[in-house]
Amino acid sequence: MARTLLTEDEIAELLAEFGEWRRDGDRLCRSYEFADFVDAFGFMAKVAVVSEKLFHHPEWSNVYNRVDIAITDHAAGGISNNDRAWIERVEQLTS
């Protein structure tokens, strides 16, 4: 996939579509909460597979049942169409 930076309008559309996500500068961020550590870790394992397929890896942390994620496209220099594709696939994991 060719990496193209999203316009401000496209970023606004993405955030409107995925309301749990927020912008922090050149990163998109979200927190997920699960029933327990096992569920949170299972989610992280699934996200790792998505990340490898897209060769696009998040910054993330896990404390017990919570997973905090930030994603940006370092190669493109900001929020890109690759971030959008990654978020779309990760959101499908929780629906």
PDB file of N, CA and C in Angstrom:
ATOM      1  N   MET A   1       0.839  -1.175   0.000  1.00  0.00           N
ATOM      2  CA  MET A   1       0.000   0.000   0.000  1.00  0.00           C
ATOM      3  C   MET A   1       0.884   1.239   0.000  1.00  0.00           C
ATOM      4  N   ALA A   2       0.626   2.136  -0.924  1.00  0.00           N
ATOM      5  CA  ALA A   2       1.343   3.419  -0.947  1.00  0.00           C
ATOM      6  C   ALA A   2       0.854   4.252   0.229  1.00  0.00           C
ATOM      7  N   ARG A   3       1.785   4.813   0.948  1.00  0.00           N
ATOM      8  CA  ARG A   3       1.433   5.594   2.137  1.00  0.00           C
ATOM      9  C   ARG A   3       1.224   7.050   1.749  1.00  0.00           C
ATOM     10  N   THR A   4       0.021   7.535   2.031  1.00  0.00           N
ATOM     11  CA  THR A   4      -0.341   8.908   1.710  1.00  0.00           C
ATOM     12  C   THR A   4      -0.882   9.566   2.964  1.00  0.00           C
ATOM     13  N   LEU A   5      -0.375  10.747   3.286  1.00  0.00           N
ATOM     14  CA  LEU A   5      -0.895  11.465   4.446  1.00  0.00           C
ATOM     15  C   LEU A   5      -2.355  11.821   4.229  1.00  0.00           C
ATOM     16  N   LEU A   6      -3.138  11.718   5.288  1.00  0.00           N
ATOM     17  CA  LEU A   6      -4.537  12.116   5.228  1.00  0.00           C
ATOM     18  C   LEU A   6      -4.636  13.631   5.362  1.00  0.00           C
ATOM     19  N   THR A   7      -5.630  14.209   4.723  1.00  0.00           N
ATOM     20  CA  THR A   7      -5.899  15.636   4.881  1.00  0.00           C
ATOM     21  C   THR A   7      -6.579  15.855   6.233  1.00  0.00           C
ATOM     22  N   GLU A   8      -6.666  17.088   6.654  1.00  0.00           N
ATOM     23  CA  GLU A   8      -7.362  17.396   7.910  1.00  0.00           C
ATOM     24  C   GLU A   8      -8.819  16.939   7.843  1.00  0.00           C
ATOM     25  N   ASP A   9      -9.455  17.121   6.697  1.00  0.00           N
ATOM     26  CA  ASP A   9     -10.846  16.675   6.534  1.00  0.00           C
ATOM     27  C   ASP A   9     -10.951  15.160   6.640  1.00  0.00           C
ATOM     28  N   GLU A  10     -10.008  14.447   6.048  1.00  0.00           N
ATOM     29  CA  GLU A  10     -10.026  12.982   6.111  1.00  0.00           C
ATOM     30  C   GLU A  10      -9.780  12.486   7.537  1.00  0.00           C
ATOM     31  N   ILE A  11      -8.924  13.171   8.269  1.00  0.00           N
ATOM     32  CA  ILE A  11      -8.695  12.809   9.672  1.00  0.00           C
ATOM     33  C   ILE A  11      -9.966  13.047  10.480  1.00  0.00           C
ATOM     34  N   ALA A  12     -10.629  14.166  10.243  1.00  0.00           N
ATOM     35  CA  ALA A  12     -11.887  14.464  10.938  1.00  0.00           C
ATOM     36  C   ALA A  12     -12.946  13.403  10.626  1.00  0.00           C
ATOM     37  N   GLU A  13     -13.021  12.968   9.379  1.00  0.00           N
ATOM     38  CA  GLU A  13     -13.970  11.916   8.993  1.00  0.00           C
ATOM     39  C   GLU A  13     -13.643  10.602   9.700  1.00  0.00           C
ATOM     40  N   LEU A  14     -12.372  10.269   9.765  1.00  0.00           N
ATOM     41  CA  LEU A  14     -11.939   9.048  10.435  1.00  0.00           C
ATOM     42  C   LEU A  14     -12.328   9.082  11.906  1.00  0.00           C
ATOM     43  N   LEU A  15     -12.081  10.194  12.571  1.00  0.00           N
ATOM     44  CA  LEU A  15     -12.415  10.328  13.991  1.00  0.00           C
ATOM     45  C   LEU A  15     -13.924  10.320  14.215  1.00  0.00           C
ATOM     46  N   ALA A  16     -14.686  10.853  13.266  1.00  0.00           N
ATOM     47  CA  ALA A  16     -16.144  10.815  13.378  1.00  0.00           C
ATOM     48  C   ALA A  16     -16.653   9.378  13.216  1.00  0.00           C
ATOM     49  N   GLU A  17     -16.033   8.633  12.338  1.00  0.00           N
ATOM     50  CA  GLU A  17     -16.444   7.250  12.094  1.00  0.00           C
ATOM     51  C   GLU A  17     -16.090   6.339  13.261  1.00  0.00           C
ATOM     52  N   PHE A  18     -14.936   6.583  13.850  1.00  0.00           N
ATOM     53  CA  PHE A  18     -14.458   5.762  14.968  1.00  0.00           C
ATOM     54  C   PHE A  18     -14.342   6.655  16.203  1.00  0.00           C
ATOM     55  N   GLY A  19     -15.476   6.898  16.827  1.00  0.00           N
ATOM     56  CA  GLY A  19     -15.611   7.893  17.886  1.00  0.00           C
ATOM     57  C   GLY A  19     -14.772   7.684  19.135  1.00  0.00           C
ATOM     58  N   GLU A  20     -14.284   6.479  19.352  1.00  0.00           N
ATOM     59  CA  GLU A  20     -13.457   6.228  20.533  1.00  0.00           C
ATOM     60  C   GLU A  20     -12.019   6.708  20.344  1.00  0.00           C
ATOM     61  N   TRP A  21     -11.644   6.944  19.100  1.00  0.00           N
ATOM     62  CA  TRP A  21     -10.295   7.396  18.807  1.00  0.00           C
ATOM     63  C   TRP A  21     -10.215   8.908  18.957  1.00  0.00           C
ATOM     64  N   ARG A  22      -9.041   9.400  19.360  1.00  0.00           N
ATOM     65  CA  ARG A  22      -8.816  10.840  19.487  1.00  0.00           C
ATOM     66  C   ARG A  22      -7.455  11.164  18.880  1.00  0.00           C
ATOM     67  N   ARG A  23      -7.290  12.417  18.569  1.00  0.00           N
ATOM     68  CA  ARG A  23      -6.024  12.858  17.978  1.00  0.00           C
ATOM     69  C   ARG A  23      -5.131  13.448  19.058  1.00  0.00           C
ATOM     70  N   ASP A  24      -3.856  13.121  18.973  1.00  0.00           N
ATOM     71  CA  ASP A  24      -2.834  13.694  19.842  1.00  0.00           C
ATOM     72  C   ASP A  24      -1.661  14.069  18.940  1.00  0.00           C
ATOM     73  N   GLY A  25      -1.722  15.259  18.369  1.00  0.00           N
ATOM     74  CA  GLY A  25      -0.685  15.691  17.431  1.00  0.00           C
ATOM     75  C   GLY A  25      -0.733  14.863  16.163  1.00  0.00           C
ATOM     76  N   ASP A  26       0.374  14.179  15.867  1.00  0.00           N
ATOM     77  CA  ASP A  26       0.457  13.331  14.682  1.00  0.00           C
ATOM     78  C   ASP A  26       0.142  11.871  14.993  1.00  0.00           C
ATOM     79  N   ARG A  27      -0.525  11.635  16.108  1.00  0.00           N
ATOM     80  CA  ARG A  27      -0.882  10.270  16.493  1.00  0.00           C
ATOM     81  C   ARG A  27      -2.386  10.174  16.697  1.00  0.00           C
ATOM     82  N   LEU A  28      -2.918   8.982  16.498  1.00  0.00           N
ATOM     83  CA  LEU A  28      -4.299   8.677  16.848  1.00  0.00           C
ATOM     84  C   LEU A  28      -4.250   7.706  18.018  1.00  0.00           C
ATOM     85  N   CYS A  29      -5.089   7.952  19.029  1.00  0.00           N
ATOM     86  CA  CYS A  29      -4.998   7.201  20.281  1.00  0.00           C
ATOM     87  C   CYS A  29      -6.356   6.660  20.700  1.00  0.00           C
ATOM     88  N   ARG A  30      -6.301   5.537  21.401  1.00  0.00           N
ATOM     89  CA  ARG A  30      -7.512   4.960  21.959  1.00  0.00           C
ATOM     90  C   ARG A  30      -7.147   4.047  23.115  1.00  0.00           C
ATOM     91  N   SER A  31      -8.049   3.963  24.089  1.00  0.00           N
ATOM     92  CA  SER A  31      -7.936   3.001  25.188  1.00  0.00           C
ATOM     93  C   SER A  31      -9.045   1.967  25.047  1.00  0.00           C
ATOM     94  N   TYR A  32      -8.715   0.736  25.308  1.00  0.00           N
ATOM     95  CA  TYR A  32      -9.681  -0.360  25.309  1.00  0.00           C
ATOM     96  C   TYR A  32      -9.707  -0.956  26.706  1.00  0.00           C
ATOM     97  N   GLU A  33     -10.893  -1.334  27.179  1.00  0.00           N
ATOM     98  CA  GLU A  33     -11.013  -2.033  28.456  1.00  0.00           C
ATOM     99  C   GLU A  33     -11.689  -3.367  28.236  1.00  0.00           C
ATOM    100  N   PHE A  34     -11.182  -4.376  28.925  1.00  0.00           N
ATOM    101  CA  PHE A  34     -11.668  -5.736  28.788  1.00  0.00           C
ATOM    102  C   PHE A  34     -12.053  -6.284  30.156  1.00  0.00           C
ATOM    103  N   ALA A  35     -12.624  -7.466  30.174  1.00  0.00           N
ATOM    104  CA  ALA A  35     -13.070  -8.062  31.433  1.00  0.00           C
ATOM    105  C   ALA A  35     -11.905  -8.355  32.372  1.00  0.00           C
ATOM    106  N   ASP A  36     -10.776  -8.759  31.790  1.00  0.00           N
ATOM    107  CA  ASP A  36      -9.634  -9.126  32.621  1.00  0.00           C
ATOM    108  C   ASP A  36      -8.356  -9.105  31.788  1.00  0.00           C
ATOM    109  N   PHE A  37      -7.265  -9.481  32.403  1.00  0.00           N
ATOM    110  CA  PHE A  37      -5.962  -9.478  31.744  1.00  0.00           C
ATOM    111  C   PHE A  37      -5.912 -10.438  30.562  1.00  0.00           C
ATOM    112  N   VAL A  38      -6.500 -11.607  30.715  1.00  0.00           N
ATOM    113  CA  VAL A  38      -6.461 -12.598  29.640  1.00  0.00           C
ATOM    114  C   VAL A  38      -7.148 -12.060  28.388  1.00  0.00           C
ATOM    115  N   ASP A  39      -8.294 -11.423  28.548  1.00  0.00           N
ATOM    116  CA  ASP A  39      -8.987 -10.843  27.394  1.00  0.00           C
ATOM    117  C   ASP A  39      -8.170  -9.713  26.765  1.00  0.00           C
ATOM    118  N   ALA A  40      -7.568  -8.881  27.604  1.00  0.00           N
ATOM    119  CA  ALA A  40      -6.744  -7.779  27.085  1.00  0.00           C
ATOM    120  C   ALA A  40      -5.547  -8.320  26.319  1.00  0.00           C
ATOM    121  N   PHE A  41      -4.896  -9.324  26.869  1.00  0.00           N
ATOM    122  CA  PHE A  41      -3.725  -9.900  26.208  1.00  0.00           C
ATOM    123  C   PHE A  41      -4.117 -10.617  24.923  1.00  0.00           C
ATOM    124  N   GLY A  42      -5.272 -11.277  24.927  1.00  0.00           N
ATOM    125  CA  GLY A  42      -5.760 -11.931  23.710  1.00  0.00           C
ATOM    126  C   GLY A  42      -5.995 -10.916  22.601  1.00  0.00           C
ATOM    127  N   PHE A  43      -6.560  -9.758  22.957  1.00  0.00           N
ATOM    128  CA  PHE A  43      -6.764  -8.682  21.997  1.00  0.00           C
ATOM    129  C   PHE A  43      -5.423  -8.216  21.441  1.00  0.00           C
ATOM    130  N   MET A  44      -4.449  -8.049  22.301  1.00  0.00           N
ATOM    131  CA  MET A  44      -3.128  -7.603  21.856  1.00  0.00           C
ATOM    132  C   MET A  44      -2.508  -8.612  20.882  1.00  0.00           C
ATOM    133  N   ALA A  45      -2.711  -9.890  21.129  1.00  0.00           N
ATOM    134  CA  ALA A  45      -2.184 -10.906  20.220  1.00  0.00           C
ATOM    135  C   ALA A  45      -2.824 -10.768  18.842  1.00  0.00           C
ATOM    136  N   LYS A  46      -4.132 -10.529  18.797  1.00  0.00           N
ATOM    137  CA  LYS A  46      -4.820 -10.346  17.517  1.00  0.00           C
ATOM    138  C   LYS A  46      -4.339  -9.078  16.815  1.00  0.00           C
ATOM    139  N   VAL A  47      -4.131  -8.009  17.570  1.00  0.00           N
ATOM    140  CA  VAL A  47      -3.632  -6.764  16.989  1.00  0.00           C
ATOM    141  C   VAL A  47      -2.229  -6.968  16.427  1.00  0.00           C
ATOM    142  N   ALA A  48      -1.430  -7.773  17.091  1.00  0.00           N
ATOM    143  CA  ALA A  48      -0.075  -8.045  16.604  1.00  0.00           C
ATOM    144  C   ALA A  48      -0.112  -8.698  15.224  1.00  0.00           C
ATOM    145  N   VAL A  49      -1.061  -9.585  14.995  1.00  0.00           N
ATOM    146  CA  VAL A  49      -1.179 -10.242  13.689  1.00  0.00           C
ATOM    147  C   VAL A  49      -1.566  -9.221  12.624  1.00  0.00           C
ATOM    148  N   VAL A  50      -2.541  -8.369  12.926  1.00  0.00           N
ATOM    149  CA  VAL A  50      -2.941  -7.304  11.994  1.00  0.00           C
ATOM    150  C   VAL A  50      -1.742  -6.407  11.693  1.00  0.00           C
ATOM    151  N   SER A  51      -1.011  -6.035  12.722  1.00  0.00           N
ATOM    152  CA  SER A  51       0.126  -5.131  12.573  1.00  0.00           C
ATOM    153  C   SER A  51       1.203  -5.725  11.674  1.00  0.00           C
ATOM    154  N   GLU A  52       1.464  -6.998  11.828  1.00  0.00           N
ATOM    155  CA  GLU A  52       2.457  -7.651  10.987  1.00  0.00           C
ATOM    156  C   GLU A  52       2.003  -7.716   9.536  1.00  0.00           C
ATOM    157  N   LYS A  53       0.720  -8.001   9.327  1.00  0.00           N
ATOM    158  CA  LYS A  53       0.205  -8.079   7.950  1.00  0.00           C
ATOM    159  C   LYS A  53       0.318  -6.739   7.242  1.00  0.00           C
ATOM    160  N   LEU A  54       0.072  -5.651   7.980  1.00  0.00           N
ATOM    161  CA  LEU A  54       0.150  -4.315   7.383  1.00  0.00           C
ATOM    162  C   LEU A  54       1.539  -3.697   7.522  1.00  0.00           C
ATOM    163  N   PHE A  55       2.439  -4.388   8.214  1.00  0.00           N
ATOM    164  CA  PHE A  55       3.757  -3.861   8.551  1.00  0.00           C
ATOM    165  C   PHE A  55       3.620  -2.440   9.108  1.00  0.00           C
ATOM    166  N   HIS A  56       2.733  -2.333  10.089  1.00  0.00           N
ATOM    167  CA  HIS A  56       2.430  -1.041  10.718  1.00  0.00           C
ATOM    168  C   HIS A  56       2.176  -1.321  12.190  1.00  0.00           C
ATOM    169  N   HIS A  57       3.062  -0.850  13.050  1.00  0.00           N
ATOM    170  CA  HIS A  57       3.069  -1.270  14.446  1.00  0.00           C
ATOM    171  C   HIS A  57       2.740  -0.117  15.387  1.00  0.00           C
ATOM    172  N   PRO A  58       1.885  -0.374  16.365  1.00  0.00           N
ATOM    173  CA  PRO A  58       1.470   0.679  17.293  1.00  0.00           C
ATOM    174  C   PRO A  58       2.468   0.885  18.422  1.00  0.00           C
ATOM    175  N   GLU A  59       2.304   2.012  19.082  1.00  0.00           N
ATOM    176  CA  GLU A  59       2.885   2.205  20.409  1.00  0.00           C
ATOM    177  C   GLU A  59       1.763   1.807  21.347  1.00  0.00           C
ATOM    178  N   TRP A  60       2.043   0.945  22.319  1.00  0.00           N
ATOM    179  CA  TRP A  60       0.961   0.512  23.188  1.00  0.00           C
ATOM    180  C   TRP A  60       1.467   0.101  24.553  1.00  0.00           C
ATOM    181  N   SER A  61       0.525   0.054  25.485  1.00  0.00           N
ATOM    182  CA  SER A  61       0.828  -0.425  26.827  1.00  0.00           C
ATOM    183  C   SER A  61      -0.382  -1.174  27.357  1.00  0.00           C
ATOM    184  N   ASN A  62      -0.120  -2.041  28.299  1.00  0.00           N
ATOM    185  CA  ASN A  62      -1.168  -2.861  28.898  1.00  0.00           C
ATOM    186  C   ASN A  62      -0.986  -2.868  30.401  1.00  0.00           C
ATOM    187  N   VAL A  63      -2.066  -2.561  31.104  1.00  0.00           N
ATOM    188  CA  VAL A  63      -2.106  -2.717  32.558  1.00  0.00           C
ATOM    189  C   VAL A  63      -3.402  -3.451  32.871  1.00  0.00           C
ATOM    190  N   TYR A  64      -3.271  -4.648  33.361  1.00  0.00           N
ATOM    191  CA  TYR A  64      -4.347  -5.561  33.690  1.00  0.00           C
ATOM    192  C   TYR A  64      -5.371  -5.670  32.563  1.00  0.00           C
ATOM    193  N   ASN A  65      -6.518  -4.993  32.668  1.00  0.00           N
ATOM    194  CA  ASN A  65      -7.578  -5.168  31.666  1.00  0.00           C
ATOM    195  C   ASN A  65      -7.633  -4.021  30.655  1.00  0.00           C
ATOM    196  N   ARG A  66      -6.649  -3.148  30.666  1.00  0.00           N
ATOM    197  CA  ARG A  66      -6.674  -1.975  29.802  1.00  0.00           C
ATOM    198  C   ARG A  66      -5.499  -2.003  28.822  1.00  0.00           C
ATOM    199  N   VAL A  67      -5.804  -1.635  27.567  1.00  0.00           N
ATOM    200  CA  VAL A  67      -4.780  -1.518  26.526  1.00  0.00           C
ATOM    201  C   VAL A  67      -4.881  -0.111  25.954  1.00  0.00           C
ATOM    202  N   ASP A  68      -3.790   0.634  26.030  1.00  0.00           N
ATOM    203  CA  ASP A  68      -3.712   1.980  25.466  1.00  0.00           C
ATOM    204  C   ASP A  68      -2.883   1.902  24.187  1.00  0.00           C
ATOM    205  N   ILE A  69      -3.423   2.472  23.102  1.00  0.00           N
ATOM    206  CA  ILE A  69      -2.767   2.388  21.795  1.00  0.00           C
ATOM    207  C   ILE A  69      -2.610   3.778  21.195  1.00  0.00           C
ATOM    208  N   ALA A  70      -1.461   4.008  20.570  1.00  0.00           N
ATOM    209  CA  ALA A  70      -1.230   5.190  19.731  1.00  0.00           C
ATOM    210  C   ALA A  70      -0.657   4.683  18.411  1.00  0.00           C
ATOM    211  N   ILE A  71      -1.146   5.256  17.312  1.00  0.00           N
ATOM    212  CA  ILE A  71      -0.667   4.846  15.991  1.00  0.00           C
ATOM    213  C   ILE A  71      -0.366   6.086  15.157  1.00  0.00           C
ATOM    214  N   THR A  72       0.732   6.035  14.438  1.00  0.00           N
ATOM    215  CA  THR A  72       1.107   7.070  13.488  1.00  0.00           C
ATOM    216  C   THR A  72       1.966   6.423  12.419  1.00  0.00           C
ATOM    217  N   ASP A  73       2.094   7.073  11.309  1.00  0.00           N
ATOM    218  CA  ASP A  73       2.895   6.520  10.225  1.00  0.00           C
ATOM    219  C   ASP A  73       4.215   7.288  10.166  1.00  0.00           C
ATOM    220  N   HIS A  74       5.227   6.739  10.825  1.00  0.00           N
ATOM    221  CA  HIS A  74       6.532   7.407  10.873  1.00  0.00           C
ATOM    222  C   HIS A  74       7.127   7.563   9.476  1.00  0.00           C
ATOM    223  N   ALA A  75       6.933   6.558   8.629  1.00  0.00           N
ATOM    224  CA  ALA A  75       7.503   6.608   7.277  1.00  0.00           C
ATOM    225  C   ALA A  75       6.880   7.728   6.452  1.00  0.00           C
ATOM    226  N   ALA A  76       5.580   7.972   6.645  1.00  0.00           N
ATOM    227  CA  ALA A  76       4.888   9.019   5.883  1.00  0.00           C
ATOM    228  C   ALA A  76       4.998  10.379   6.567  1.00  0.00           C
ATOM    229  N   GLY A  77       5.336  10.374   7.844  1.00  0.00           N
ATOM    230  CA  GLY A  77       5.495  11.632   8.568  1.00  0.00           C
ATOM    231  C   GLY A  77       4.215  12.189   9.152  1.00  0.00           C
ATOM    232  N   GLY A  78       3.305  11.316   9.541  1.00  0.00           N
ATOM    233  CA  GLY A  78       2.057  11.775  10.152  1.00  0.00           C
ATOM    234  C   GLY A  78       0.972  10.731  10.054  1.00  0.00           C
ATOM    235  N   ILE A  79      -0.265  11.166  10.028  1.00  0.00           N
ATOM    236  CA  ILE A  79      -1.421  10.274   9.976  1.00  0.00           C
ATOM    237  C   ILE A  79      -1.727   9.969   8.509  1.00  0.00           C
ATOM    238  N   SER A  80      -1.717   8.682   8.170  1.00  0.00           N
ATOM    239  CA  SER A  80      -1.813   8.289   6.762  1.00  0.00           C
ATOM    240  C   SER A  80      -2.972   7.327   6.506  1.00  0.00           C
ATOM    241  N   ASN A  81      -3.118   6.993   5.237  1.00  0.00           N
ATOM    242  CA  ASN A  81      -4.102   5.994   4.842  1.00  0.00           C
ATOM    243  C   ASN A  81      -3.783   4.630   5.454  1.00  0.00           C
ATOM    244  N   ASN A  82      -2.536   4.382   5.778  1.00  0.00           N
ATOM    245  CA  ASN A  82      -2.157   3.137   6.441  1.00  0.00           C
ATOM    246  C   ASN A  82      -2.688   3.106   7.875  1.00  0.00           C
ATOM    247  N   ASP A  83      -2.699   4.250   8.545  1.00  0.00           N
ATOM    248  CA  ASP A  83      -3.301   4.320   9.882  1.00  0.00           C
ATOM    249  C   ASP A  83      -4.791   4.007   9.790  1.00  0.00           C
ATOM    250  N   ARG A  84      -5.451   4.566   8.772  1.00  0.00           N
ATOM    251  CA  ARG A  84      -6.881   4.314   8.584  1.00  0.00           C
ATOM    252  C   ARG A  84      -7.136   2.824   8.377  1.00  0.00           C
ATOM    253  N   ALA A  85      -6.372   2.189   7.511  1.00  0.00           N
ATOM    254  CA  ALA A  85      -6.537   0.757   7.253  1.00  0.00           C
ATOM    255  C   ALA A  85      -6.306  -0.053   8.522  1.00  0.00           C
ATOM    256  N   TRP A  86      -5.296   0.329   9.288  1.00  0.00           N
ATOM    257  CA  TRP A  86      -4.972  -0.379  10.531  1.00  0.00           C
ATOM    258  C   TRP A  86      -6.122  -0.241  11.532  1.00  0.00           C
ATOM    259  N   ILE A  87      -6.622   0.978  11.717  1.00  0.00           N
ATOM    260  CA  ILE A  87      -7.719   1.209  12.661  1.00  0.00           C
ATOM    261  C   ILE A  87      -8.965   0.430  12.230  1.00  0.00           C
ATOM    262  N   GLU A  88      -9.282   0.454  10.959  1.00  0.00           N
ATOM    263  CA  GLU A  88     -10.452  -0.291  10.471  1.00  0.00           C
ATOM    264  C   GLU A  88     -10.357  -1.770  10.832  1.00  0.00           C
ATOM    265  N   ARG A  89      -9.194  -2.353  10.656  1.00  0.00           N
ATOM    266  CA  ARG A  89      -9.027  -3.796  10.951  1.00  0.00           C
ATOM    267  C   ARG A  89      -9.034  -4.052  12.468  1.00  0.00           C
ATOM    268  N   VAL A  90      -8.405  -3.194  13.237  1.00  0.00           N
ATOM    269  CA  VAL A  90      -8.368  -3.387  14.693  1.00  0.00           C
ATOM    270  C   VAL A  90      -9.768  -3.235  15.285  1.00  0.00           C
ATOM    271  N   GLU A  91     -10.523  -2.284  14.808  1.00  0.00           N
ATOM    272  CA  GLU A  91     -11.883  -2.095  15.318  1.00  0.00           C
ATOM    273  C   GLU A  91     -12.762  -3.309  15.045  1.00  0.00           C
ATOM    274  N   GLN A  92     -12.513  -4.026  13.966  1.00  0.00           N
ATOM    275  CA  GLN A  92     -13.287  -5.234  13.663  1.00  0.00           C
ATOM    276  C   GLN A  92     -13.024  -6.335  14.697  1.00  0.00           C
ATOM    277  N   LEU A  93     -11.905  -6.275  15.374  1.00  0.00           N
ATOM    278  CA  LEU A  93     -11.562  -7.292  16.371  1.00  0.00           C
ATOM    279  C   LEU A  93     -12.437  -7.203  17.608  1.00  0.00           C
ATOM    280  N   THR A  94     -13.017  -6.037  17.851  1.00  0.00           N
ATOM    281  CA  THR A  94     -13.816  -5.861  19.077  1.00  0.00           C
ATOM    282  C   THR A  94     -15.317  -5.834  18.805  1.00  0.00           C
ATOM    283  N   SER A  95     -15.706  -5.972  17.538  1.00  0.00           N
ATOM    284  CA  SER A  95     -17.147  -5.922  17.250  1.00  0.00           C
ATOM    285  C   SER A  95     -17.762  -7.298  17.205  1.00  0.00           C
TER     286      SER A  95
END
